[in-house]
């Protein structure tokens, strides 16, 4: 191989490495954003779970405690 061919191949590798670095950084940014969203959604699900427990049937009368409808 001659020196010009080696230089061209080296330049091509540097270009590919630069593009790969940019791609890795972009993917890292997406992963960080997804992690932030997952954390937020987990908090919202937990809040909804607590609200559901607060509104659970324990606050309602049992079927035998309810008065019958007027047509009985």
C-alpha atoms as a PDB file:
ATOM      1  CA  UNK A   1       0.000   0.000   0.000  1.00  0.00           C
ATOM      2  CA  UNK A   2       1.158   3.470  -0.693  1.00  0.00           C
ATOM      3  CA  UNK A   3       1.107   6.360   1.717  1.00  0.00           C
ATOM      4  CA  UNK A   4      -1.741   8.215  -0.058  1.00  0.00           C
ATOM      5  CA  UNK A   5      -3.994   5.169   0.187  1.00  0.00           C
ATOM      6  CA  UNK A   6      -3.174   4.787   3.871  1.00  0.00           C
ATOM      7  CA  UNK A   7      -3.946   8.479   4.487  1.00  0.00           C
ATOM      8  CA  UNK A   8      -7.288   8.188   2.671  1.00  0.00           C
ATOM      9  CA  UNK A   9      -8.274   5.125   4.680  1.00  0.00           C
ATOM     10  CA  UNK A  10      -7.221   6.827   7.910  1.00  0.00           C
ATOM     11  CA  UNK A  11      -9.281   9.927   7.020  1.00  0.00           C
ATOM     12  CA  UNK A  12     -12.299   7.710   6.249  1.00  0.00           C
ATOM     13  CA  UNK A  13     -11.954   6.000   9.629  1.00  0.00           C
ATOM     14  CA  UNK A  14     -11.775   9.360  11.400  1.00  0.00           C
ATOM     15  CA  UNK A  15     -14.933  10.512   9.612  1.00  0.00           C
ATOM     16  CA  UNK A  16     -16.761   7.313  10.581  1.00  0.00           C
ATOM     17  CA  UNK A  17     -15.627   7.654  14.177  1.00  0.00           C
ATOM     18  CA  UNK A  18     -16.885  11.230  14.308  1.00  0.00           C
ATOM     19  CA  UNK A  19     -20.297  10.164  12.960  1.00  0.00           C
ATOM     20  CA  UNK A  20     -20.454   7.274  15.411  1.00  0.00           C
ATOM     21  CA  UNK A  21     -19.619   9.585  18.307  1.00  0.00           C
ATOM     22  CA  UNK A  22     -22.447  11.900  17.246  1.00  0.00           C
ATOM     23  CA  UNK A  23     -24.843   8.957  16.967  1.00  0.00           C
ATOM     24  CA  UNK A  24     -23.871   7.618  20.379  1.00  0.00           C
ATOM     25  CA  UNK A  25     -24.405  11.055  21.927  1.00  0.00           C
ATOM     26  CA  UNK A  26     -27.813  11.399  20.260  1.00  0.00           C
ATOM     27  CA  UNK A  27     -28.836   7.950  21.507  1.00  0.00           C
ATOM     28  CA  UNK A  28     -27.611   8.802  24.982  1.00  0.00           C
ATOM     29  CA  UNK A  29     -29.742  11.960  24.961  1.00  0.00           C
ATOM     30  CA  UNK A  30     -32.800   9.942  23.935  1.00  0.00           C
ATOM     31  CA  UNK A  31     -32.163   7.371  26.667  1.00  0.00           C
ATOM     32  CA  UNK A  32     -31.784  10.109  29.277  1.00  0.00           C
ATOM     33  CA  UNK A  33     -35.073  11.684  28.170  1.00  0.00           C
ATOM     34  CA  UNK A  34     -36.824   8.315  28.268  1.00  0.00           C
ATOM     35  CA  UNK A  35     -35.508   7.691  31.769  1.00  0.00           C
ATOM     36  CA  UNK A  36     -36.848  11.071  32.866  1.00  0.00           C
ATOM     37  CA  UNK A  37     -40.252  10.247  31.380  1.00  0.00           C
ATOM     38  CA  UNK A  38     -40.291   6.802  33.007  1.00  0.00           C
ATOM     39  CA  UNK A  39     -39.527   8.347  36.385  1.00  0.00           C
ATOM     40  CA  UNK A  40     -42.314  10.898  35.916  1.00  0.00           C
ATOM     41  CA  UNK A  41     -44.799   8.230  34.817  1.00  0.00           C
ATOM     42  CA  UNK A  42     -43.920   6.031  37.798  1.00  0.00           C
ATOM     43  CA  UNK A  43     -44.678   8.943  40.122  1.00  0.00           C
ATOM     44  CA  UNK A  44     -47.994   9.541  38.370  1.00  0.00           C
ATOM     45  CA  UNK A  45     -48.938   5.855  38.566  1.00  0.00           C
ATOM     46  CA  UNK A  46     -48.115   5.801  42.263  1.00  0.00           C
ATOM     47  CA  UNK A  47     -50.244   8.906  42.832  1.00  0.00           C
ATOM     48  CA  UNK A  48     -53.124   7.296  40.956  1.00  0.00           C
ATOM     49  CA  UNK A  49     -52.680   4.092  42.963  1.00  0.00           C
ATOM     50  CA  UNK A  50     -52.915   6.046  46.225  1.00  0.00           C
ATOM     51  CA  UNK A  51     -55.966   7.920  44.981  1.00  0.00           C
ATOM     52  CA  UNK A  52     -57.585   4.634  43.955  1.00  0.00           C
ATOM     53  CA  UNK A  53     -56.987   3.232  47.437  1.00  0.00           C
ATOM     54  CA  UNK A  54     -58.495   6.351  49.002  1.00  0.00           C
ATOM     55  CA  UNK A  55     -61.597   5.932  46.854  1.00  0.00           C
ATOM     56  CA  UNK A  56     -61.770   2.180  47.346  1.00  0.00           C
ATOM     57  CA  UNK A  57     -65.048   0.452  48.167  1.00  0.00           C
ATOM     58  CA  UNK A  58     -64.139   0.636  51.864  1.00  0.00           C
ATOM     59  CA  UNK A  59     -65.748   4.089  51.789  1.00  0.00           C
ATOM     60  CA  UNK A  60     -68.971   2.645  50.356  1.00  0.00           C
ATOM     61  CA  UNK A  61     -71.702   0.899  52.261  1.00  0.00           C
ATOM     62  CA  UNK A  62     -71.812  -2.876  52.082  1.00  0.00           C
ATOM     63  CA  UNK A  63     -74.696  -4.309  50.021  1.00  0.00           C
ATOM     64  CA  UNK A  64     -76.544  -5.474  53.164  1.00  0.00           C
ATOM     65  CA  UNK A  65     -76.157  -1.999  54.713  1.00  0.00           C
ATOM     66  CA  UNK A  66     -77.803  -0.192  51.813  1.00  0.00           C
ATOM     67  CA  UNK A  67     -81.473   0.615  51.902  1.00  0.00           C
ATOM     68  CA  UNK A  68     -83.508  -1.171  49.256  1.00  0.00           C
ATOM     69  CA  UNK A  69     -84.701   0.804  46.269  1.00  0.00           C
ATOM     70  CA  UNK A  70     -88.195   2.330  46.537  1.00  0.00           C
ATOM     71  CA  UNK A  71     -89.906  -0.333  44.369  1.00  0.00           C
ATOM     72  CA  UNK A  72     -89.425  -3.026  47.031  1.00  0.00           C
END
